[in-house]
Amino acid sequence: RVGEVLCSVDGEPGRLIPNLTVSARIPSAHVEAAPS
């Protein structure tokens, strides 16, 4: 179950062509030495 998010690419996309499958990493927070 997902939500669709749109993300505008910075600068010249180069080889980032339409319909290319990509993976995304979105840092939201950072903690040190937390139980995980």
PDB file of all heavy atoms in Angstrom:
ATOM      1  N   ARG A   1       0.878  -1.164   0.000  1.00  0.00           N
ATOM      2  CA  ARG A   1       0.000   0.000   0.000  1.00  0.00           C
ATOM      3  C   ARG A   1       0.921   1.221   0.000  1.00  0.00           C
ATOM      4  O   ARG A   1       1.704   1.422   0.937  1.00  0.00           O
ATOM      5  CB  ARG A   1      -0.919  -0.001   1.224  1.00  0.00           C
ATOM      6  CG  ARG A   1      -2.025  -1.039   1.143  1.00  0.00           C
ATOM      7  CD  ARG A   1      -2.837  -1.086   2.423  1.00  0.00           C
ATOM      8  NE  ARG A   1      -3.392   0.197   2.785  1.00  0.00           N
ATOM      9  CZ  ARG A   1      -4.488   0.744   2.237  1.00  0.00           C
ATOM     10  NH1 ARG A   1      -5.144   0.085   1.300  1.00  0.00           N
ATOM     11  NH2 ARG A   1      -4.928   1.915   2.644  1.00  0.00           N
ATOM     12  N   VAL A   2       0.827   2.018  -1.053  1.00  0.00           N
ATOM     13  CA  VAL A   2       1.811   3.076  -1.262  1.00  0.00           C
ATOM     14  C   VAL A   2       1.134   4.396  -1.610  1.00  0.00           C
ATOM     15  O   VAL A   2      -0.035   4.442  -2.003  1.00  0.00           O
ATOM     16  CB  VAL A   2       2.794   2.701  -2.398  1.00  0.00           C
ATOM     17  CG1 VAL A   2       3.540   1.417  -2.069  1.00  0.00           C
ATOM     18  CG2 VAL A   2       2.054   2.549  -3.734  1.00  0.00           C
ATOM     19  N   GLY A   3       1.902   5.466  -1.443  1.00  0.00           N
ATOM     20  CA  GLY A   3       1.498   6.782  -1.913  1.00  0.00           C
ATOM     21  C   GLY A   3       2.463   7.217  -3.000  1.00  0.00           C
ATOM     22  O   GLY A   3       3.659   6.926  -2.932  1.00  0.00           O
ATOM     23  N   GLU A   4       1.942   7.904  -4.005  1.00  0.00           N
ATOM     24  CA  GLU A   4       2.769   8.343  -5.128  1.00  0.00           C
ATOM     25  C   GLU A   4       3.291   9.754  -4.872  1.00  0.00           C
ATOM     26  O   GLU A   4       2.531  10.690  -4.707  1.00  0.00           O
ATOM     27  CB  GLU A   4       1.959   8.307  -6.424  1.00  0.00           C
ATOM     28  CG  GLU A   4       2.739   8.715  -7.652  1.00  0.00           C
ATOM     29  CD  GLU A   4       1.889   8.691  -8.898  1.00  0.00           C
ATOM     30  OE1 GLU A   4       1.359   7.603  -9.232  1.00  0.00           O
ATOM     31  OE2 GLU A   4       1.731   9.755  -9.535  1.00  0.00           O
ATOM     32  N   VAL A   5       4.607   9.895  -4.843  1.00  0.00           N
ATOM     33  CA  VAL A   5       5.281  11.166  -4.594  1.00  0.00           C
ATOM     34  C   VAL A   5       6.017  11.582  -5.859  1.00  0.00           C
ATOM     35  O   VAL A   5       6.668  10.747  -6.499  1.00  0.00           O
ATOM     36  CB  VAL A   5       6.276  11.029  -3.420  1.00  0.00           C
ATOM     37  CG1 VAL A   5       7.155  12.272  -3.301  1.00  0.00           C
ATOM     38  CG2 VAL A   5       5.525  10.784  -2.119  1.00  0.00           C
ATOM     39  N   LEU A   6       5.924  12.860  -6.232  1.00  0.00           N
ATOM     40  CA  LEU A   6       6.655  13.370  -7.389  1.00  0.00           C
ATOM     41  C   LEU A   6       7.858  14.171  -6.921  1.00  0.00           C
ATOM     42  O   LEU A   6       7.767  14.955  -5.968  1.00  0.00           O
ATOM     43  CB  LEU A   6       5.756  14.243  -8.267  1.00  0.00           C
ATOM     44  CG  LEU A   6       4.647  13.512  -9.025  1.00  0.00           C
ATOM     45  CD1 LEU A   6       3.908  14.482  -9.938  1.00  0.00           C
ATOM     46  CD2 LEU A   6       5.201  12.353  -9.840  1.00  0.00           C
ATOM     47  N   CYS A   7       8.971  13.969  -7.599  1.00  0.00           N
ATOM     48  CA  CYS A   7      10.239  14.564  -7.201  1.00  0.00           C
ATOM     49  C   CYS A   7      10.895  15.179  -8.435  1.00  0.00           C
ATOM     50  O   CYS A   7      11.130  14.471  -9.419  1.00  0.00           O
ATOM     51  CB  CYS A   7      11.114  13.471  -6.593  1.00  0.00           C
ATOM     52  SG  CYS A   7      12.634  14.038  -5.861  1.00  0.00           S
ATOM     53  N   SER A   8      11.165  16.486  -8.431  1.00  0.00           N
ATOM     54  CA  SER A   8      11.773  17.168  -9.571  1.00  0.00           C
ATOM     55  C   SER A   8      13.296  17.053  -9.511  1.00  0.00           C
ATOM     56  O   SER A   8      13.916  17.413  -8.506  1.00  0.00           O
ATOM     57  CB  SER A   8      11.366  18.648  -9.597  1.00  0.00           C
ATOM     58  OG  SER A   8       9.980  18.761  -9.844  1.00  0.00           O
ATOM     59  N   VAL A   9      13.872  16.544 -10.598  1.00  0.00           N
ATOM     60  CA  VAL A   9      15.314  16.305 -10.653  1.00  0.00           C
ATOM     61  C   VAL A   9      16.057  17.620 -10.876  1.00  0.00           C
ATOM     62  O   VAL A   9      15.659  18.448 -11.699  1.00  0.00           O
ATOM     63  CB  VAL A   9      15.641  15.304 -11.778  1.00  0.00           C
ATOM     64  CG1 VAL A   9      17.151  15.084 -11.890  1.00  0.00           C
ATOM     65  CG2 VAL A   9      14.918  13.988 -11.521  1.00  0.00           C
ATOM     66  N   ASP A  10      17.136  17.797 -10.139  1.00  0.00           N
ATOM     67  CA  ASP A  10      17.939  19.015 -10.242  1.00  0.00           C
ATOM     68  C   ASP A  10      18.777  18.995 -11.522  1.00  0.00           C
ATOM     69  O   ASP A  10      19.300  17.950 -11.922  1.00  0.00           O
ATOM     70  CB  ASP A  10      18.897  19.147  -9.050  1.00  0.00           C
ATOM     71  CG  ASP A  10      18.150  19.228  -7.730  1.00  0.00           C
ATOM     72  OD1 ASP A  10      16.972  19.616  -7.757  1.00  0.00           O
ATOM     73  OD2 ASP A  10      18.748  18.906  -6.691  1.00  0.00           O
ATOM     74  N   GLY A  11      18.928  20.174 -12.123  1.00  0.00           N
ATOM     75  CA  GLY A  11      19.866  20.356 -13.221  1.00  0.00           C
ATOM     76  C   GLY A  11      19.559  19.508 -14.437  1.00  0.00           C
ATOM     77  O   GLY A  11      18.425  19.131 -14.700  1.00  0.00           O
ATOM     78  N   GLU A  12      20.598  19.199 -15.196  1.00  0.00           N
ATOM     79  CA  GLU A  12      20.473  18.429 -16.429  1.00  0.00           C
ATOM     80  C   GLU A  12      20.326  16.941 -16.112  1.00  0.00           C
ATOM     81  O   GLU A  12      21.194  16.348 -15.482  1.00  0.00           O
ATOM     82  CB  GLU A  12      21.721  18.660 -17.297  1.00  0.00           C
ATOM     83  CG  GLU A  12      21.755  17.845 -18.569  1.00  0.00           C
ATOM     84  CD  GLU A  12      20.532  18.084 -19.451  1.00  0.00           C
ATOM     85  OE1 GLU A  12      20.151  19.250 -19.629  1.00  0.00           O
ATOM     86  OE2 GLU A  12      19.962  17.085 -19.942  1.00  0.00           O
ATOM     87  N   PRO A  13      19.209  16.305 -16.541  1.00  0.00           N
ATOM     88  CA  PRO A  13      18.988  14.909 -16.175  1.00  0.00           C
ATOM     89  C   PRO A  13      19.922  13.930 -16.870  1.00  0.00           C
ATOM     90  O   PRO A  13      20.112  12.807 -16.411  1.00  0.00           O
ATOM     91  CB  PRO A  13      17.530  14.665 -16.588  1.00  0.00           C
ATOM     92  CG  PRO A  13      17.270  15.661 -17.663  1.00  0.00           C
ATOM     93  CD  PRO A  13      18.078  16.879 -17.301  1.00  0.00           C
ATOM     94  N   GLY A  14      20.508  14.322 -17.992  1.00  0.00           N
ATOM     95  CA  GLY A  14      21.440  13.444 -18.686  1.00  0.00           C
ATOM     96  C   GLY A  14      20.784  12.148 -19.125  1.00  0.00           C
ATOM     97  O   GLY A  14      19.826  12.150 -19.886  1.00  0.00           O
ATOM     98  N   ARG A  15      21.270  11.027 -18.594  1.00  0.00           N
ATOM     99  CA  ARG A  15      20.776   9.713 -19.008  1.00  0.00           C
ATOM    100  C   ARG A  15      19.506   9.295 -18.282  1.00  0.00           C
ATOM    101  O   ARG A  15      19.046   8.161 -18.447  1.00  0.00           O
ATOM    102  CB  ARG A  15      21.866   8.662 -18.780  1.00  0.00           C
ATOM    103  CG  ARG A  15      23.090   8.849 -19.659  1.00  0.00           C
ATOM    104  CD  ARG A  15      24.114   7.758 -19.401  1.00  0.00           C
ATOM    105  NE  ARG A  15      25.255   7.883 -20.282  1.00  0.00           N
ATOM    106  CZ  ARG A  15      26.300   7.054 -20.266  1.00  0.00           C
ATOM    107  NH1 ARG A  15      26.334   6.066 -19.383  1.00  0.00           N
ATOM    108  NH2 ARG A  15      27.309   7.222 -21.098  1.00  0.00           N
ATOM    109  N   LEU A  16      18.960  10.153 -17.479  1.00  0.00           N
ATOM    110  CA  LEU A  16      17.729   9.847 -16.746  1.00  0.00           C
ATOM    111  C   LEU A  16      16.560  10.010 -17.709  1.00  0.00           C
ATOM    112  O   LEU A  16      15.882  11.025 -17.739  1.00  0.00           O
ATOM    113  CB  LEU A  16      17.581  10.769 -15.540  1.00  0.00           C
ATOM    114  CG  LEU A  16      16.541  10.363 -14.485  1.00  0.00           C
ATOM    115  CD1 LEU A  16      16.879   8.996 -13.906  1.00  0.00           C
ATOM    116  CD2 LEU A  16      16.467  11.395 -13.392  1.00  0.00           C
ATOM    117  N   ILE A  17      16.311   8.986 -18.522  1.00  0.00           N
ATOM    118  CA  ILE A  17      15.321   9.045 -19.582  1.00  0.00           C
ATOM    119  C   ILE A  17      13.951   8.606 -19.075  1.00  0.00           C
ATOM    120  O   ILE A  17      13.852   7.919 -18.047  1.00  0.00           O
ATOM    121  CB  ILE A  17      15.744   8.168 -20.773  1.00  0.00           C
ATOM    122  CG1 ILE A  17      15.928   6.706 -20.313  1.00  0.00           C
ATOM    123  CG2 ILE A  17      17.029   8.691 -21.389  1.00  0.00           C
ATOM    124  CD1 ILE A  17      16.272   5.750 -21.430  1.00  0.00           C
ATOM    125  N   PRO A  18      12.879   8.990 -19.756  1.00  0.00           N
ATOM    126  CA  PRO A  18      11.532   8.589 -19.329  1.00  0.00           C
ATOM    127  C   PRO A  18      11.389   7.068 -19.244  1.00  0.00           C
ATOM    128  O   PRO A  18      11.976   6.321 -20.025  1.00  0.00           O
ATOM    129  CB  PRO A  18      10.631   9.177 -20.431  1.00  0.00           C
ATOM    130  CG  PRO A  18      11.404  10.344 -20.953  1.00  0.00           C
ATOM    131  CD  PRO A  18      12.841   9.928 -20.905  1.00  0.00           C
ATOM    132  N   ASN A  19      10.608   6.623 -18.262  1.00  0.00           N
ATOM    133  CA  ASN A  19      10.287   5.205 -18.020  1.00  0.00           C
ATOM    134  C   ASN A  19      11.459   4.395 -17.482  1.00  0.00           C
ATOM    135  O   ASN A  19      11.363   3.175 -17.379  1.00  0.00           O
ATOM    136  CB  ASN A  19       9.734   4.536 -19.285  1.00  0.00           C
ATOM    137  CG  ASN A  19       8.328   4.980 -19.597  1.00  0.00           C
ATOM    138  OD1 ASN A  19       7.628   5.507 -18.743  1.00  0.00           O
ATOM    139  ND2 ASN A  19       7.911   4.796 -20.834  1.00  0.00           N
ATOM    140  N   LEU A  20      12.565   5.044 -17.134  1.00  0.00           N
ATOM    141  CA  LEU A  20      13.682   4.337 -16.511  1.00  0.00           C
ATOM    142  C   LEU A  20      13.332   4.023 -15.057  1.00  0.00           C
ATOM    143  O   LEU A  20      12.848   4.883 -14.334  1.00  0.00           O
ATOM    144  CB  LEU A  20      14.941   5.200 -16.571  1.00  0.00           C
ATOM    145  CG  LEU A  20      16.213   4.603 -15.947  1.00  0.00           C
ATOM    146  CD1 LEU A  20      16.711   3.435 -16.796  1.00  0.00           C
ATOM    147  CD2 LEU A  20      17.298   5.671 -15.838  1.00  0.00           C
ATOM    148  N   THR A  21      13.563   2.791 -14.633  1.00  0.00           N
ATOM    149  CA  THR A  21      13.301   2.401 -13.247  1.00  0.00           C
ATOM    150  C   THR A  21      14.458   2.851 -12.366  1.00  0.00           C
ATOM    151  O   THR A  21      15.619   2.565 -12.670  1.00  0.00           O
ATOM    152  CB  THR A  21      13.133   0.878 -13.139  1.00  0.00           C
ATOM    153  OG1 THR A  21      12.018   0.470 -13.946  1.00  0.00           O
ATOM    154  CG2 THR A  21      12.874   0.468 -11.695  1.00  0.00           C
ATOM    155  N   VAL A  22      14.140   3.557 -11.290  1.00  0.00           N
ATOM    156  CA  VAL A  22      15.166   4.063 -10.375  1.00  0.00           C
ATOM    157  C   VAL A  22      14.829   3.659  -8.944  1.00  0.00           C
ATOM    158  O   VAL A  22      13.700   3.296  -8.634  1.00  0.00           O
ATOM    159  CB  VAL A  22      15.288   5.605 -10.456  1.00  0.00           C
ATOM    160  CG1 VAL A  22      15.702   6.046 -11.853  1.00  0.00           C
ATOM    161  CG2 VAL A  22      13.980   6.284 -10.036  1.00  0.00           C
ATOM    162  N   SER A  23      15.843   3.722  -8.096  1.00  0.00           N
ATOM    163  CA  SER A  23      15.655   3.563  -6.655  1.00  0.00           C
ATOM    164  C   SER A  23      15.899   4.908  -6.004  1.00  0.00           C
ATOM    165  O   SER A  23      16.717   5.700  -6.491  1.00  0.00           O
ATOM    166  CB  SER A  23      16.634   2.524  -6.092  1.00  0.00           C
ATOM    167  OG  SER A  23      16.413   1.254  -6.680  1.00  0.00           O
ATOM    168  N   ALA A  24      15.179   5.186  -4.915  1.00  0.00           N
ATOM    169  CA  ALA A  24      15.288   6.490  -4.252  1.00  0.00           C
ATOM    170  C   ALA A  24      15.601   6.314  -2.775  1.00  0.00           C
ATOM    171  O   ALA A  24      15.080   5.400  -2.122  1.00  0.00           O
ATOM    172  CB  ALA A  24      13.993   7.280  -4.421  1.00  0.00           C
ATOM    173  N   ARG A  25      16.449   7.202  -2.286  1.00  0.00           N
ATOM    174  CA  ARG A  25      16.753   7.243  -0.856  1.00  0.00           C
ATOM    175  C   ARG A  25      16.414   8.636  -0.351  1.00  0.00           C
ATOM    176  O   ARG A  25      16.939   9.632  -0.861  1.00  0.00           O
ATOM    177  CB  ARG A  25      18.231   6.935  -0.613  1.00  0.00           C
ATOM    178  CG  ARG A  25      18.638   7.039   0.860  1.00  0.00           C
ATOM    179  CD  ARG A  25      20.097   6.704   1.052  1.00  0.00           C
ATOM    180  NE  ARG A  25      20.373   5.310   0.714  1.00  0.00           N
ATOM    181  CZ  ARG A  25      21.595   4.782   0.740  1.00  0.00           C
ATOM    182  NH1 ARG A  25      22.635   5.525   1.066  1.00  0.00           N
ATOM    183  NH2 ARG A  25      21.764   3.510   0.428  1.00  0.00           N
ATOM    184  N   ILE A  26      15.506   8.712   0.641  1.00  0.00           N
ATOM    185  CA  ILE A  26      15.074   9.990   1.191  1.00  0.00           C
ATOM    186  C   ILE A  26      15.420  10.023   2.678  1.00  0.00           C
ATOM    187  O   ILE A  26      14.678   9.459   3.501  1.00  0.00           O
ATOM    188  CB  ILE A  26      13.557  10.214   0.995  1.00  0.00           C
ATOM    189  CG1 ILE A  26      13.175  10.032  -0.476  1.00  0.00           C
ATOM    190  CG2 ILE A  26      13.153  11.602   1.473  1.00  0.00           C
ATOM    191  CD1 ILE A  26      11.696  10.182  -0.742  1.00  0.00           C
ATOM    192  N   PRO A  27      16.517  10.640   3.074  1.00  0.00           N
ATOM    193  CA  PRO A  27      16.838  10.742   4.504  1.00  0.00           C
ATOM    194  C   PRO A  27      15.797  11.604   5.211  1.00  0.00           C
ATOM    195  O   PRO A  27      15.495  12.703   4.778  1.00  0.00           O
ATOM    196  CB  PRO A  27      18.211  11.414   4.519  1.00  0.00           C
ATOM    197  CG  PRO A  27      18.748  11.281   3.127  1.00  0.00           C
ATOM    198  CD  PRO A  27      17.552  11.275   2.238  1.00  0.00           C
ATOM    199  N   SER A  28      15.241  11.086   6.303  1.00  0.00           N
ATOM    200  CA  SER A  28      14.237  11.857   7.045  1.00  0.00           C
ATOM    201  C   SER A  28      14.698  12.211   8.447  1.00  0.00           C
ATOM    202  O   SER A  28      14.191  13.152   9.051  1.00  0.00           O
ATOM    203  CB  SER A  28      12.916  11.081   7.117  1.00  0.00           C
ATOM    204  OG  SER A  28      13.109   9.839   7.760  1.00  0.00           O
ATOM    205  N   ALA A  29      15.627  11.436   8.996  1.00  0.00           N
ATOM    206  CA  ALA A  29      16.134  11.692  10.345  1.00  0.00           C
ATOM    207  C   ALA A  29      17.400  10.873  10.542  1.00  0.00           C
ATOM    208  O   ALA A  29      17.705   9.968   9.770  1.00  0.00           O
ATOM    209  CB  ALA A  29      15.089  11.330  11.400  1.00  0.00           C
ATOM    210  N   HIS A  30      18.120  11.214  11.627  1.00  0.00           N
ATOM    211  CA  HIS A  30      19.367  10.510  11.926  1.00  0.00           C
ATOM    212  C   HIS A  30      19.519  10.384  13.440  1.00  0.00           C
ATOM    213  O   HIS A  30      19.303  11.352  14.168  1.00  0.00           O
ATOM    214  CB  HIS A  30      20.554  11.278  11.338  1.00  0.00           C
ATOM    215  CG  HIS A  30      21.878  10.650  11.664  1.00  0.00           C
ATOM    216  ND1 HIS A  30      22.344   9.542  11.013  1.00  0.00           N
ATOM    217  CD2 HIS A  30      22.823  10.999  12.587  1.00  0.00           C
ATOM    218  CE1 HIS A  30      23.531   9.213  11.503  1.00  0.00           C
ATOM    219  NE2 HIS A  30      23.840  10.075  12.461  1.00  0.00           N
ATOM    220  N   VAL A  31      19.844   9.182  13.889  1.00  0.00           N
ATOM    221  CA  VAL A  31      20.083   8.973  15.317  1.00  0.00           C
ATOM    222  C   VAL A  31      21.377   8.176  15.483  1.00  0.00           C
ATOM    223  O   VAL A  31      21.771   7.417  14.591  1.00  0.00           O
ATOM    224  CB  VAL A  31      18.916   8.203  15.990  1.00  0.00           C
ATOM    225  CG1 VAL A  31      17.673   9.053  16.036  1.00  0.00           C
ATOM    226  CG2 VAL A  31      18.644   6.887  15.272  1.00  0.00           C
ATOM    227  N   GLU A  32      22.034   8.372  16.602  1.00  0.00           N
ATOM    228  CA  GLU A  32      23.279   7.669  16.903  1.00  0.00           C
ATOM    229  C   GLU A  32      23.030   6.558  17.924  1.00  0.00           C
ATOM    230  O   GLU A  32      22.342   6.764  18.922  1.00  0.00           O
ATOM    231  CB  GLU A  32      24.325   8.656  17.462  1.00  0.00           C
ATOM    232  CG  GLU A  32      24.773   9.727  16.466  1.00  0.00           C
ATOM    233  CD  GLU A  32      25.679   9.170  15.394  1.00  0.00           C
ATOM    234  OE1 GLU A  32      26.143   8.017  15.550  1.00  0.00           O
ATOM    235  OE2 GLU A  32      25.918   9.876  14.392  1.00  0.00           O
ATOM    236  N   ALA A  33      23.596   5.385  17.660  1.00  0.00           N
ATOM    237  CA  ALA A  33      23.591   4.257  18.612  1.00  0.00           C
ATOM    238  C   ALA A  33      22.199   3.944  19.151  1.00  0.00           C
ATOM    239  O   ALA A  33      22.009   3.744  20.352  1.00  0.00           O
ATOM    240  CB  ALA A  33      24.549   4.552  19.760  1.00  0.00           C
ATOM    241  N   ALA A  34      21.209   3.919  18.281  1.00  0.00           N
ATOM    242  CA  ALA A  34      19.843   3.612  18.714  1.00  0.00           C
ATOM    243  C   ALA A  34      19.580   2.118  18.567  1.00  0.00           C
ATOM    244  O   ALA A  34      20.091   1.477  17.644  1.00  0.00           O
ATOM    245  CB  ALA A  34      18.844   4.399  17.877  1.00  0.00           C
ATOM    246  N   PRO A  35      18.750   1.516  19.465  1.00  0.00           N
ATOM    247  CA  PRO A  35      18.365   0.101  19.300  1.00  0.00           C
ATOM    248  C   PRO A  35      17.621  -0.063  17.972  1.00  0.00           C
ATOM    249  O   PRO A  35      16.771   0.764  17.613  1.00  0.00           O
ATOM    250  CB  PRO A  35      17.439  -0.164  20.485  1.00  0.00           C
ATOM    251  CG  PRO A  35      17.743   0.923  21.468  1.00  0.00           C
ATOM    252  CD  PRO A  35      18.159   2.108  20.670  1.00  0.00           C
ATOM    253  N   SER A  36      17.955  -1.108  17.249  1.00  0.00           N
ATOM    254  CA  SER A  36      17.329  -1.294  15.941  1.00  0.00           C
ATOM    255  C   SER A  36      17.217  -2.775  15.622  1.00  0.00           C
ATOM    256  O   SER A  36      17.883  -3.624  16.241  1.00  0.00           O
ATOM    257  CB  SER A  36      18.138  -0.584  14.850  1.00  0.00           C
ATOM    258  OG  SER A  36      19.430  -1.166  14.721  1.00  0.00           O
TER     259      SER A  36
END
